[in-house]
Amino acid sequence: MSQEHLCVAAVPLFQHLDLEDQRIINRLVKHHIFQKGEQIITPDENPQLVVIAQGNMKVYQLSATGREQLLRVVGPNGYEGEGLLLGAQNENLFGEAMQKTEVCLLKQEDFQKILLQYPQISLKLLEINAQKLMEAEQQAQFLMMEKVENRLMTYLLDLYKTAGSKQVEIPMKMKELASFLGTTPETLSRKLKWLEGERLIQRKGSMIKLLDKKELENRLL
């Protein structure tokens, strides 16, 4: 199976289509490799769907003071930009390669042709956008929590629910996670050590084992 096919087949937006339809869509996709630190999405870029084949892309916006506010990290099989393809204006959205990252790009005009040919994709797009809205609301809830440790514990428990395992991996660097949780890397480091000291987690780099999930949940009550 070619990598070109994987780009389309791995995206929930196109997964329900049969193989031949996926191949037709895939012919419109362009491949590009970005090096660490290179911009993949910028406000002045032509609207396009960005599908991550390999690597990771951080998606962020800039505050009035120019500070990055991380929105999410998009990993393999994830994508960004579907709202822009439907006409939303990108006034302050950036996507940056966090390492060497291979992406598949689908231009706006080609995507709109696909929507006309496959109207069921529009329904799937509404479903996925609703999920993204829920994730954005979740981050807003993080930031409403007064205590940083509560934000961190909630985040780790959410990772557990997603992975279905007490061994979870933080999908971003500590600097990005601190930004996501609305704190500083120094404070985040202290809170992680505090959780270790409380025997609630065991940490090795980006890998974290939840030693007492029930107690973590109790601490949030």
N, C-alpha and C. Protein backbone atom coordinates (compact mmCIF):
# COMPACT_ATOMS: atom_id res chain seq x y z
N MET A 1 0.86 -1.20 0.00
CA MET A 1 0.00 0.00 0.00
C MET A 1 0.89 1.24 0.00
N SER A 2 0.62 2.16 -0.89
CA SER A 2 1.50 3.31 -1.02
C SER A 2 1.24 4.33 0.08
N GLN A 3 2.26 5.16 0.33
CA GLN A 3 2.11 6.20 1.33
C GLN A 3 1.05 7.21 0.89
N GLU A 4 0.95 7.41 -0.47
CA GLU A 4 -0.04 8.35 -0.98
C GLU A 4 -1.46 7.91 -0.58
N HIS A 5 -1.70 6.63 -0.68
CA HIS A 5 -3.03 6.13 -0.31
C HIS A 5 -3.26 6.27 1.20
N LEU A 6 -2.24 6.02 1.98
CA LEU A 6 -2.38 6.09 3.43
C LEU A 6 -2.84 7.47 3.88
N CYS A 7 -2.38 8.51 3.21
CA CYS A 7 -2.76 9.86 3.62
C CYS A 7 -4.27 10.04 3.60
N VAL A 8 -4.91 9.53 2.59
CA VAL A 8 -6.36 9.68 2.47
C VAL A 8 -7.08 8.66 3.33
N ALA A 9 -6.63 7.42 3.32
CA ALA A 9 -7.34 6.35 4.01
C ALA A 9 -7.31 6.51 5.52
N ALA A 10 -6.29 7.18 6.05
CA ALA A 10 -6.16 7.30 7.50
C ALA A 10 -7.00 8.43 8.08
N VAL A 11 -7.53 9.31 7.22
CA VAL A 11 -8.29 10.47 7.70
C VAL A 11 -9.76 10.10 7.87
N PRO A 12 -10.34 10.33 9.07
CA PRO A 12 -11.74 9.97 9.30
C PRO A 12 -12.70 10.55 8.26
N LEU A 13 -12.34 11.69 7.72
CA LEU A 13 -13.19 12.35 6.74
C LEU A 13 -13.41 11.49 5.49
N PHE A 14 -12.43 10.65 5.15
CA PHE A 14 -12.50 9.86 3.92
C PHE A 14 -12.56 8.36 4.16
N GLN A 15 -12.53 7.94 5.43
CA GLN A 15 -12.43 6.51 5.73
C GLN A 15 -13.65 5.72 5.27
N HIS A 16 -14.82 6.36 5.23
CA HIS A 16 -16.04 5.62 4.89
C HIS A 16 -16.21 5.43 3.39
N LEU A 17 -15.32 6.05 2.60
CA LEU A 17 -15.40 5.89 1.14
C LEU A 17 -14.74 4.57 0.74
N ASP A 18 -15.16 4.02 -0.41
CA ASP A 18 -14.53 2.78 -0.85
C ASP A 18 -13.15 3.09 -1.44
N LEU A 19 -12.38 2.05 -1.65
CA LEU A 19 -10.97 2.19 -2.04
C LEU A 19 -10.81 2.99 -3.33
N GLU A 20 -11.67 2.74 -4.32
CA GLU A 20 -11.52 3.43 -5.60
C GLU A 20 -11.77 4.93 -5.45
N ASP A 21 -12.78 5.31 -4.64
CA ASP A 21 -13.04 6.73 -4.40
C ASP A 21 -11.88 7.38 -3.66
N GLN A 22 -11.30 6.66 -2.71
CA GLN A 22 -10.13 7.18 -1.99
C GLN A 22 -8.98 7.42 -2.95
N ARG A 23 -8.81 6.53 -3.91
CA ARG A 23 -7.73 6.70 -4.90
C ARG A 23 -7.97 7.94 -5.76
N ILE A 24 -9.23 8.17 -6.12
CA ILE A 24 -9.56 9.35 -6.93
C ILE A 24 -9.20 10.62 -6.17
N ILE A 25 -9.58 10.68 -4.89
CA ILE A 25 -9.28 11.85 -4.07
C ILE A 25 -7.78 11.99 -3.88
N ASN A 26 -7.10 10.86 -3.72
CA ASN A 26 -5.68 10.89 -3.44
C ASN A 26 -4.86 11.50 -4.59
N ARG A 27 -5.39 11.41 -5.80
CA ARG A 27 -4.67 11.98 -6.95
C ARG A 27 -4.58 13.50 -6.86
N LEU A 28 -5.44 14.10 -6.04
CA LEU A 28 -5.43 15.55 -5.88
C LEU A 28 -4.47 16.00 -4.77
N VAL A 29 -3.95 15.05 -4.01
CA VAL A 29 -3.11 15.36 -2.84
C VAL A 29 -1.66 15.56 -3.25
N LYS A 30 -1.02 16.58 -2.68
CA LYS A 30 0.40 16.85 -2.90
C LYS A 30 1.17 16.56 -1.62
N HIS A 31 2.36 15.99 -1.78
CA HIS A 31 3.19 15.66 -0.61
C HIS A 31 4.29 16.70 -0.42
N HIS A 32 4.59 16.95 0.84
CA HIS A 32 5.67 17.89 1.14
C HIS A 32 6.29 17.52 2.48
N ILE A 33 7.60 17.71 2.61
CA ILE A 33 8.30 17.45 3.87
C ILE A 33 8.78 18.79 4.45
N PHE A 34 8.41 19.04 5.69
CA PHE A 34 8.83 20.24 6.40
C PHE A 34 9.85 19.86 7.47
N GLN A 35 10.86 20.69 7.63
CA GLN A 35 11.86 20.47 8.68
C GLN A 35 11.39 21.11 9.98
N LYS A 36 11.98 20.69 11.08
CA LYS A 36 11.62 21.21 12.40
C LYS A 36 11.67 22.74 12.41
N GLY A 37 10.60 23.35 12.90
CA GLY A 37 10.54 24.82 12.99
C GLY A 37 9.94 25.50 11.78
N GLU A 38 9.76 24.78 10.68
CA GLU A 38 9.18 25.39 9.48
C GLU A 38 7.67 25.55 9.63
N GLN A 39 7.15 26.63 9.07
CA GLN A 39 5.72 26.92 9.13
C GLN A 39 4.98 26.12 8.06
N ILE A 40 3.96 25.40 8.49
CA ILE A 40 3.12 24.63 7.57
C ILE A 40 1.84 25.40 7.26
N ILE A 41 1.30 26.06 8.27
CA ILE A 41 0.09 26.90 8.12
C ILE A 41 0.40 28.30 8.60
N THR A 42 0.06 29.30 7.80
CA THR A 42 0.20 30.70 8.20
C THR A 42 -1.03 31.46 7.70
N PRO A 43 -1.33 32.62 8.30
CA PRO A 43 -2.51 33.39 7.87
C PRO A 43 -2.46 33.82 6.40
N ASP A 44 -1.26 33.98 5.84
CA ASP A 44 -1.18 34.45 4.45
C ASP A 44 -1.07 33.31 3.45
N GLU A 45 -1.17 32.07 3.92
CA GLU A 45 -1.09 30.90 3.05
C GLU A 45 -2.44 30.65 2.39
N ASN A 46 -2.44 30.10 1.17
CA ASN A 46 -3.68 29.73 0.52
C ASN A 46 -4.37 28.62 1.32
N PRO A 47 -5.69 28.68 1.50
CA PRO A 47 -6.39 27.66 2.29
C PRO A 47 -6.16 26.26 1.75
N GLN A 48 -5.83 25.33 2.65
CA GLN A 48 -5.63 23.94 2.23
C GLN A 48 -5.79 23.02 3.43
N LEU A 49 -6.14 21.79 3.14
CA LEU A 49 -6.22 20.76 4.17
C LEU A 49 -4.83 20.17 4.35
N VAL A 50 -4.36 20.13 5.60
CA VAL A 50 -3.03 19.59 5.90
C VAL A 50 -3.22 18.28 6.66
N VAL A 51 -2.77 17.19 6.07
CA VAL A 51 -2.84 15.88 6.70
C VAL A 51 -1.43 15.46 7.11
N ILE A 52 -1.26 15.09 8.36
CA ILE A 52 0.06 14.68 8.83
C ILE A 52 0.26 13.19 8.53
N ALA A 53 1.26 12.89 7.72
CA ALA A 53 1.59 11.49 7.42
C ALA A 53 2.59 10.95 8.44
N GLN A 54 3.63 11.75 8.73
CA GLN A 54 4.63 11.39 9.73
C GLN A 54 5.08 12.66 10.44
N GLY A 55 5.41 12.55 11.73
CA GLY A 55 5.86 13.70 12.48
C GLY A 55 4.72 14.32 13.29
N ASN A 56 4.94 15.56 13.72
CA ASN A 56 3.94 16.26 14.53
C ASN A 56 3.93 17.75 14.16
N MET A 57 2.76 18.36 14.21
CA MET A 57 2.60 19.78 13.94
C MET A 57 1.90 20.42 15.12
N LYS A 58 2.47 21.49 15.66
CA LYS A 58 1.78 22.23 16.72
C LYS A 58 0.96 23.33 16.07
N VAL A 59 -0.26 23.48 16.53
CA VAL A 59 -1.18 24.50 16.03
C VAL A 59 -1.38 25.52 17.13
N TYR A 60 -1.12 26.79 16.81
CA TYR A 60 -1.19 27.83 17.83
C TYR A 60 -1.67 29.14 17.24
N GLN A 61 -2.03 30.05 18.12
CA GLN A 61 -2.32 31.43 17.71
C GLN A 61 -1.48 32.36 18.56
N LEU A 62 -1.38 33.60 18.15
CA LEU A 62 -0.57 34.58 18.85
C LEU A 62 -1.45 35.52 19.65
N SER A 63 -1.03 35.80 20.88
CA SER A 63 -1.76 36.77 21.69
C SER A 63 -1.43 38.18 21.22
N ALA A 64 -2.08 39.17 21.81
CA ALA A 64 -1.83 40.57 21.44
C ALA A 64 -0.38 40.97 21.70
N THR A 65 0.27 40.28 22.65
CA THR A 65 1.67 40.58 22.97
C THR A 65 2.65 39.74 22.17
N GLY A 66 2.10 38.89 21.27
CA GLY A 66 2.98 38.06 20.43
C GLY A 66 3.34 36.73 21.06
N ARG A 67 2.72 36.39 22.19
CA ARG A 67 3.01 35.12 22.86
C ARG A 67 2.21 33.99 22.22
N GLU A 68 2.86 32.84 22.05
CA GLU A 68 2.19 31.68 21.49
C GLU A 68 1.18 31.11 22.47
N GLN A 69 -0.01 30.79 21.98
CA GLN A 69 -1.00 30.06 22.76
C GLN A 69 -1.30 28.77 22.02
N LEU A 70 -0.75 27.68 22.55
CA LEU A 70 -0.91 26.39 21.90
C LEU A 70 -2.37 25.96 21.93
N LEU A 71 -2.88 25.50 20.79
CA LEU A 71 -4.25 25.01 20.70
C LEU A 71 -4.29 23.48 20.73
N ARG A 72 -3.39 22.86 19.99
CA ARG A 72 -3.33 21.40 19.93
C ARG A 72 -2.07 20.96 19.20
N VAL A 73 -1.76 19.68 19.35
CA VAL A 73 -0.69 19.06 18.59
C VAL A 73 -1.33 18.03 17.67
N VAL A 74 -1.02 18.11 16.38
CA VAL A 74 -1.59 17.20 15.40
C VAL A 74 -0.53 16.18 15.01
N GLY A 75 -0.80 14.91 15.27
CA GLY A 75 0.15 13.84 14.98
C GLY A 75 -0.24 13.07 13.74
N PRO A 76 0.43 11.94 13.49
CA PRO A 76 0.15 11.12 12.30
C PRO A 76 -1.32 10.75 12.19
N ASN A 77 -1.85 10.89 10.98
CA ASN A 77 -3.26 10.63 10.63
C ASN A 77 -4.18 11.76 11.06
N GLY A 78 -3.66 12.76 11.77
CA GLY A 78 -4.46 13.92 12.12
C GLY A 78 -4.40 14.95 11.01
N TYR A 79 -5.27 15.94 11.10
CA TYR A 79 -5.27 16.97 10.05
C TYR A 79 -5.81 18.27 10.60
N GLU A 80 -5.58 19.32 9.83
CA GLU A 80 -5.95 20.67 10.22
C GLU A 80 -6.30 21.46 8.96
N GLY A 81 -7.24 22.40 9.12
CA GLY A 81 -7.51 23.32 8.01
C GLY A 81 -8.82 23.11 7.31
N GLU A 82 -9.63 22.12 7.77
CA GLU A 82 -10.88 21.86 7.06
C GLU A 82 -11.82 23.06 7.13
N GLY A 83 -11.79 23.81 8.25
CA GLY A 83 -12.63 24.99 8.36
C GLY A 83 -12.25 26.07 7.36
N LEU A 84 -10.95 26.20 7.12
CA LEU A 84 -10.47 27.19 6.15
C LEU A 84 -10.95 26.84 4.74
N LEU A 85 -11.01 25.53 4.45
CA LEU A 85 -11.46 25.12 3.12
C LEU A 85 -12.91 25.48 2.88
N LEU A 86 -13.67 25.61 3.98
CA LEU A 86 -15.09 25.92 3.84
C LEU A 86 -15.38 27.42 3.87
N GLY A 87 -14.31 28.22 3.89
CA GLY A 87 -14.49 29.66 3.79
C GLY A 87 -14.12 30.47 5.01
N ALA A 88 -13.79 29.81 6.13
CA ALA A 88 -13.38 30.55 7.32
C ALA A 88 -12.07 31.29 7.03
N GLN A 89 -11.93 32.49 7.58
CA GLN A 89 -10.73 33.29 7.37
C GLN A 89 -9.68 32.96 8.42
N ASN A 90 -8.45 32.74 7.98
CA ASN A 90 -7.35 32.49 8.93
C ASN A 90 -6.69 33.82 9.26
N GLU A 91 -7.08 34.38 10.38
CA GLU A 91 -6.51 35.66 10.80
C GLU A 91 -5.34 35.48 11.77
N ASN A 92 -5.30 34.33 12.46
CA ASN A 92 -4.27 34.21 13.50
C ASN A 92 -4.01 32.75 13.86
N LEU A 93 -3.93 31.89 12.84
CA LEU A 93 -3.69 30.48 13.08
C LEU A 93 -2.40 30.05 12.40
N PHE A 94 -1.55 29.36 13.16
CA PHE A 94 -0.26 28.92 12.65
C PHE A 94 -0.10 27.43 12.90
N GLY A 95 0.59 26.76 12.00
CA GLY A 95 0.96 25.36 12.18
C GLY A 95 2.45 25.22 11.93
N GLU A 96 3.16 24.63 12.87
CA GLU A 96 4.62 24.55 12.78
C GLU A 96 5.09 23.11 13.00
N ALA A 97 6.02 22.66 12.18
CA ALA A 97 6.57 21.32 12.32
C ALA A 97 7.39 21.23 13.60
N MET A 98 7.10 20.23 14.44
CA MET A 98 7.82 20.05 15.69
C MET A 98 9.05 19.17 15.50
N GLN A 99 9.14 18.55 14.33
CA GLN A 99 10.27 17.72 13.94
C GLN A 99 10.17 17.58 12.43
N LYS A 100 11.00 16.77 11.82
CA LYS A 100 10.84 16.52 10.40
C LYS A 100 9.47 15.91 10.18
N THR A 101 8.63 16.57 9.38
CA THR A 101 7.22 16.19 9.28
C THR A 101 6.80 16.09 7.82
N GLU A 102 6.24 14.95 7.47
CA GLU A 102 5.72 14.74 6.11
C GLU A 102 4.22 15.01 6.12
N VAL A 103 3.79 15.83 5.20
CA VAL A 103 2.37 16.17 5.15
C VAL A 103 1.81 15.94 3.75
N CYS A 104 0.50 15.80 3.70
CA CYS A 104 -0.24 15.72 2.45
C CYS A 104 -1.14 16.95 2.39
N LEU A 105 -1.10 17.64 1.27
CA LEU A 105 -1.82 18.90 1.14
C LEU A 105 -2.92 18.80 0.09
N LEU A 106 -4.11 19.30 0.44
CA LEU A 106 -5.23 19.30 -0.47
C LEU A 106 -5.75 20.72 -0.59
N LYS A 107 -5.68 21.29 -1.79
CA LYS A 107 -6.06 22.69 -2.00
C LYS A 107 -7.58 22.89 -1.89
N GLN A 108 -7.94 24.14 -1.58
CA GLN A 108 -9.35 24.48 -1.36
C GLN A 108 -10.22 24.15 -2.56
N GLU A 109 -9.78 24.53 -3.76
CA GLU A 109 -10.62 24.32 -4.94
C GLU A 109 -10.84 22.83 -5.21
N ASP A 110 -9.81 22.01 -4.94
CA ASP A 110 -9.95 20.57 -5.14
C ASP A 110 -10.87 19.97 -4.08
N PHE A 111 -10.76 20.46 -2.83
CA PHE A 111 -11.60 19.96 -1.75
C PHE A 111 -13.07 20.27 -2.01
N GLN A 112 -13.35 21.46 -2.52
CA GLN A 112 -14.74 21.84 -2.80
C GLN A 112 -15.35 20.97 -3.90
N LYS A 113 -14.54 20.57 -4.86
CA LYS A 113 -15.02 19.65 -5.90
C LYS A 113 -15.38 18.31 -5.28
N ILE A 114 -14.56 17.87 -4.32
CA ILE A 114 -14.82 16.60 -3.64
C ILE A 114 -16.14 16.65 -2.88
N LEU A 115 -16.42 17.78 -2.20
CA LEU A 115 -17.66 17.91 -1.44
C LEU A 115 -18.89 17.82 -2.34
N LEU A 116 -18.79 18.36 -3.55
CA LEU A 116 -19.89 18.29 -4.49
C LEU A 116 -20.11 16.86 -4.97
N GLN A 117 -19.03 16.12 -5.12
CA GLN A 117 -19.11 14.75 -5.62
C GLN A 117 -19.51 13.77 -4.52
N TYR A 118 -19.11 14.08 -3.29
CA TYR A 118 -19.37 13.17 -2.16
C TYR A 118 -20.04 13.96 -1.02
N PRO A 119 -21.35 14.22 -1.14
CA PRO A 119 -22.04 15.04 -0.12
C PRO A 119 -22.00 14.44 1.28
N GLN A 120 -21.79 13.11 1.40
CA GLN A 120 -21.72 12.49 2.73
C GLN A 120 -20.51 12.97 3.51
N ILE A 121 -19.49 13.47 2.81
CA ILE A 121 -18.30 13.99 3.48
C ILE A 121 -18.67 15.24 4.27
N SER A 122 -19.61 16.03 3.77
CA SER A 122 -20.03 17.24 4.47
C SER A 122 -20.60 16.90 5.84
N LEU A 123 -21.38 15.81 5.92
CA LEU A 123 -21.95 15.40 7.20
C LEU A 123 -20.85 14.95 8.15
N LYS A 124 -19.87 14.22 7.62
CA LYS A 124 -18.76 13.77 8.45
C LYS A 124 -17.96 14.96 8.95
N LEU A 125 -17.82 15.97 8.11
CA LEU A 125 -17.08 17.17 8.48
C LEU A 125 -17.76 17.89 9.64
N LEU A 126 -19.09 17.96 9.63
CA LEU A 126 -19.82 18.58 10.73
C LEU A 126 -19.58 17.82 12.03
N GLU A 127 -19.56 16.51 11.95
CA GLU A 127 -19.32 15.68 13.14
C GLU A 127 -17.93 15.93 13.73
N ILE A 128 -16.93 16.01 12.86
CA ILE A 128 -15.55 16.20 13.32
C ILE A 128 -15.35 17.61 13.87
N ASN A 129 -15.99 18.59 13.22
CA ASN A 129 -15.88 19.96 13.73
C ASN A 129 -16.52 20.08 15.11
N ALA A 130 -17.60 19.35 15.34
CA ALA A 130 -18.24 19.36 16.65
C ALA A 130 -17.29 18.79 17.71
N GLN A 131 -16.53 17.75 17.33
CA GLN A 131 -15.57 17.16 18.25
C GLN A 131 -14.46 18.16 18.58
N LYS A 132 -14.01 18.88 17.57
CA LYS A 132 -12.97 19.89 17.81
C LYS A 132 -13.47 21.01 18.71
N LEU A 133 -14.74 21.37 18.53
CA LEU A 133 -15.33 22.40 19.38
C LEU A 133 -15.37 21.93 20.83
N MET A 134 -15.69 20.66 21.04
CA MET A 134 -15.70 20.11 22.39
C MET A 134 -14.30 20.15 23.00
N GLU A 135 -13.27 19.85 22.18
CA GLU A 135 -11.90 19.89 22.67
C GLU A 135 -11.49 21.31 23.06
N ALA A 136 -11.93 22.29 22.26
CA ALA A 136 -11.62 23.68 22.58
C ALA A 136 -12.30 24.10 23.88
N GLU A 137 -13.54 23.64 24.06
CA GLU A 137 -14.25 23.94 25.30
C GLU A 137 -13.57 23.27 26.49
N GLN A 138 -13.02 22.08 26.24
CA GLN A 138 -12.31 21.37 27.30
C GLN A 138 -11.09 22.17 27.74
N GLN A 139 -10.34 22.72 26.78
CA GLN A 139 -9.17 23.52 27.15
C GLN A 139 -9.61 24.76 27.93
N ALA A 140 -10.72 25.36 27.53
CA ALA A 140 -11.22 26.53 28.26
C ALA A 140 -11.54 26.15 29.70
N GLN A 141 -12.06 24.93 29.89
CA GLN A 141 -12.34 24.46 31.25
C GLN A 141 -11.05 24.28 32.04
N PHE A 142 -9.99 23.79 31.37
CA PHE A 142 -8.68 23.68 32.02
C PHE A 142 -8.28 25.03 32.60
N LEU A 143 -8.38 26.05 31.76
CA LEU A 143 -7.88 27.36 32.14
C LEU A 143 -8.75 28.01 33.22
N MET A 144 -9.98 27.54 33.39
CA MET A 144 -10.85 28.07 34.44
C MET A 144 -10.51 27.47 35.80
N MET A 145 -9.80 26.33 35.78
CA MET A 145 -9.41 25.72 37.06
C MET A 145 -8.33 26.57 37.71
N GLU A 146 -8.55 26.95 38.96
CA GLU A 146 -7.62 27.84 39.63
C GLU A 146 -6.26 27.18 39.86
N LYS A 147 -6.26 25.91 40.24
CA LYS A 147 -5.01 25.23 40.58
C LYS A 147 -4.41 24.53 39.37
N VAL A 148 -3.12 24.77 39.15
CA VAL A 148 -2.43 24.15 38.02
C VAL A 148 -2.43 22.63 38.16
N GLU A 149 -2.27 22.13 39.40
CA GLU A 149 -2.24 20.67 39.57
C GLU A 149 -3.55 20.02 39.16
N ASN A 150 -4.66 20.75 39.34
CA ASN A 150 -5.95 20.21 38.91
C ASN A 150 -6.04 20.14 37.38
N ARG A 151 -5.50 21.15 36.73
CA ARG A 151 -5.46 21.13 35.26
C ARG A 151 -4.64 19.95 34.78
N LEU A 152 -3.50 19.75 35.43
CA LEU A 152 -2.58 18.67 35.04
C LEU A 152 -3.22 17.30 35.28
N MET A 153 -3.84 17.11 36.44
CA MET A 153 -4.45 15.82 36.75
C MET A 153 -5.59 15.53 35.78
N THR A 154 -6.39 16.55 35.45
CA THR A 154 -7.48 16.37 34.50
C THR A 154 -6.94 15.98 33.13
N TYR A 155 -5.85 16.64 32.73
CA TYR A 155 -5.23 16.34 31.43
C TYR A 155 -4.74 14.89 31.39
N LEU A 156 -4.07 14.45 32.46
CA LEU A 156 -3.54 13.07 32.49
C LEU A 156 -4.68 12.05 32.47
N LEU A 157 -5.75 12.35 33.17
CA LEU A 157 -6.90 11.44 33.17
C LEU A 157 -7.56 11.39 31.79
N ASP A 158 -7.57 12.52 31.09
CA ASP A 158 -8.11 12.53 29.73
C ASP A 158 -7.24 11.70 28.78
N LEU A 159 -5.91 11.76 28.99
CA LEU A 159 -5.00 10.93 28.19
C LEU A 159 -5.30 9.46 28.44
N TYR A 160 -5.56 9.14 29.71
CA TYR A 160 -5.88 7.76 30.08
C TYR A 160 -7.15 7.29 29.36
N LYS A 161 -8.17 8.13 29.34
CA LYS A 161 -9.43 7.76 28.68
C LYS A 161 -9.21 7.54 27.19
N THR A 162 -8.34 8.35 26.59
CA THR A 162 -8.08 8.22 25.16
C THR A 162 -7.28 6.96 24.86
N ALA A 163 -6.23 6.72 25.67
CA ALA A 163 -5.34 5.59 25.43
C ALA A 163 -5.91 4.27 25.95
N GLY A 164 -6.77 4.37 26.97
CA GLY A 164 -7.31 3.16 27.57
C GLY A 164 -6.26 2.39 28.34
N SER A 165 -5.21 3.09 28.77
CA SER A 165 -4.12 2.45 29.50
C SER A 165 -3.59 3.41 30.56
N LYS A 166 -3.11 2.84 31.67
CA LYS A 166 -2.53 3.68 32.72
C LYS A 166 -1.14 4.16 32.34
N GLN A 167 -0.57 3.60 31.28
CA GLN A 167 0.71 4.06 30.75
C GLN A 167 0.39 5.01 29.59
N VAL A 168 0.58 6.31 29.81
CA VAL A 168 0.22 7.28 28.78
C VAL A 168 1.46 8.06 28.35
N GLU A 169 1.40 8.59 27.16
CA GLU A 169 2.51 9.39 26.63
C GLU A 169 2.04 10.81 26.35
N ILE A 170 2.76 11.78 26.88
CA ILE A 170 2.44 13.18 26.60
C ILE A 170 2.86 13.48 25.16
N PRO A 171 1.93 13.88 24.28
CA PRO A 171 2.23 14.02 22.86
C PRO A 171 2.88 15.34 22.46
N MET A 172 3.46 16.04 23.44
CA MET A 172 4.10 17.32 23.13
C MET A 172 5.21 17.59 24.13
N LYS A 173 6.03 18.57 23.81
CA LYS A 173 7.10 18.94 24.73
C LYS A 173 6.53 19.65 25.95
N MET A 174 7.32 19.66 27.04
CA MET A 174 6.86 20.28 28.28
C MET A 174 6.50 21.75 28.07
N LYS A 175 7.26 22.42 27.22
CA LYS A 175 6.97 23.84 26.96
C LYS A 175 5.58 24.00 26.34
N GLU A 176 5.26 23.11 25.37
CA GLU A 176 3.96 23.19 24.73
C GLU A 176 2.84 22.80 25.70
N LEU A 177 3.10 21.78 26.52
CA LEU A 177 2.08 21.35 27.49
C LEU A 177 1.81 22.46 28.50
N ALA A 178 2.88 23.12 28.95
CA ALA A 178 2.71 24.23 29.89
C ALA A 178 1.83 25.32 29.27
N SER A 179 2.09 25.64 28.01
CA SER A 179 1.29 26.65 27.32
C SER A 179 -0.16 26.20 27.22
N PHE A 180 -0.37 24.93 26.91
CA PHE A 180 -1.72 24.39 26.77
C PHE A 180 -2.48 24.48 28.09
N LEU A 181 -1.78 24.24 29.19
CA LEU A 181 -2.41 24.25 30.51
C LEU A 181 -2.41 25.63 31.15
N GLY A 182 -1.86 26.61 30.45
CA GLY A 182 -1.89 27.98 30.96
C GLY A 182 -0.95 28.22 32.13
N THR A 183 0.25 27.64 32.06
CA THR A 183 1.22 27.83 33.13
C THR A 183 2.62 27.93 32.53
N THR A 184 3.66 27.89 33.38
CA THR A 184 5.04 27.96 32.90
C THR A 184 5.68 26.59 32.96
N PRO A 185 6.72 26.34 32.16
CA PRO A 185 7.41 25.04 32.22
C PRO A 185 7.95 24.74 33.62
N GLU A 186 8.40 25.76 34.32
CA GLU A 186 8.95 25.56 35.67
C GLU A 186 7.85 25.08 36.63
N THR A 187 6.70 25.73 36.57
CA THR A 187 5.59 25.33 37.44
C THR A 187 5.11 23.93 37.08
N LEU A 188 5.03 23.64 35.79
CA LEU A 188 4.60 22.31 35.34
C LEU A 188 5.55 21.24 35.87
N SER A 189 6.86 21.51 35.78
CA SER A 189 7.86 20.55 36.28
C SER A 189 7.67 20.29 37.77
N ARG A 190 7.40 21.36 38.54
CA ARG A 190 7.20 21.21 39.98
C ARG A 190 5.95 20.38 40.27
N LYS A 191 4.90 20.61 39.51
CA LYS A 191 3.66 19.88 39.75
C LYS A 191 3.80 18.40 39.39
N LEU A 192 4.56 18.10 38.35
CA LEU A 192 4.81 16.70 38.00
C LEU A 192 5.59 16.00 39.10
N LYS A 193 6.60 16.70 39.64
CA LYS A 193 7.39 16.13 40.74
C LYS A 193 6.52 15.95 41.99
N TRP A 194 5.60 16.88 42.19
CA TRP A 194 4.69 16.78 43.33
C TRP A 194 3.80 15.53 43.20
N LEU A 195 3.29 15.30 41.99
CA LEU A 195 2.46 14.12 41.77
C LEU A 195 3.27 12.83 41.97
N GLU A 196 4.54 12.87 41.57
CA GLU A 196 5.41 11.72 41.82
C GLU A 196 5.62 11.51 43.32
N GLY A 197 5.86 12.62 44.03
CA GLY A 197 6.06 12.54 45.47
C GLY A 197 4.84 12.03 46.20
N GLU A 198 3.67 12.29 45.65
CA GLU A 198 2.42 11.81 46.24
C GLU A 198 2.11 10.37 45.82
N ARG A 199 3.01 9.78 45.04
CA ARG A 199 2.86 8.41 44.53
C ARG A 199 1.59 8.24 43.69
N LEU A 200 1.27 9.30 42.96
CA LEU A 200 0.11 9.25 42.07
C LEU A 200 0.52 8.89 40.64
N ILE A 201 1.75 9.27 40.28
CA ILE A 201 2.26 8.95 38.95
C ILE A 201 3.72 8.50 39.05
N GLN A 202 4.16 7.89 37.98
CA GLN A 202 5.58 7.54 37.81
C GLN A 202 5.98 8.05 36.44
N ARG A 203 7.02 8.86 36.37
CA ARG A 203 7.36 9.51 35.11
C ARG A 203 8.74 9.11 34.63
N LYS A 204 8.82 8.87 33.32
CA LYS A 204 10.10 8.64 32.65
C LYS A 204 10.04 9.36 31.31
N GLY A 205 10.60 10.58 31.28
CA GLY A 205 10.52 11.40 30.07
C GLY A 205 9.08 11.78 29.78
N SER A 206 8.63 11.49 28.56
CA SER A 206 7.26 11.82 28.18
C SER A 206 6.27 10.72 28.55
N MET A 207 6.80 9.60 29.05
CA MET A 207 5.94 8.48 29.44
C MET A 207 5.55 8.62 30.91
N ILE A 208 4.26 8.53 31.19
CA ILE A 208 3.75 8.66 32.55
C ILE A 208 2.83 7.49 32.87
N LYS A 209 3.07 6.87 33.99
CA LYS A 209 2.22 5.78 34.46
C LYS A 209 1.36 6.29 35.61
N LEU A 210 0.06 6.11 35.48
CA LEU A 210 -0.86 6.52 36.53
C LEU A 210 -0.89 5.41 37.59
N LEU A 211 -0.29 5.69 38.74
CA LEU A 211 -0.18 4.68 39.79
C LEU A 211 -1.47 4.52 40.57
N ASP A 212 -2.23 5.60 40.69
CA ASP A 212 -3.47 5.54 41.46
C ASP A 212 -4.52 6.42 40.78
N LYS A 213 -5.14 5.88 39.75
CA LYS A 213 -6.13 6.62 38.97
C LYS A 213 -7.30 7.09 39.84
N LYS A 214 -7.76 6.19 40.72
CA LYS A 214 -8.91 6.53 41.56
C LYS A 214 -8.60 7.71 42.47
N GLU A 215 -7.39 7.75 43.04
CA GLU A 215 -7.02 8.85 43.92
C GLU A 215 -6.88 10.15 43.12
N LEU A 216 -6.36 10.06 41.90
CA LEU A 216 -6.30 11.25 41.04
C LEU A 216 -7.70 11.83 40.84
N GLU A 217 -8.66 10.96 40.59
CA GLU A 217 -10.05 11.41 40.40
C GLU A 217 -10.60 12.02 41.69
N ASN A 218 -10.26 11.39 42.83
CA ASN A 218 -10.73 11.91 44.12
C ASN A 218 -10.18 13.29 44.42
N ARG A 219 -8.94 13.53 44.02
CA ARG A 219 -8.33 14.83 44.29
C ARG A 219 -9.03 15.97 43.55
N LEU A 220 -9.76 15.62 42.49
CA LEU A 220 -10.45 16.63 41.68
C LEU A 220 -11.85 16.93 42.20
N LEU A 221 -12.33 16.13 43.15
CA LEU A 221 -13.68 16.33 43.67
C LEU A 221 -13.75 17.54 44.60
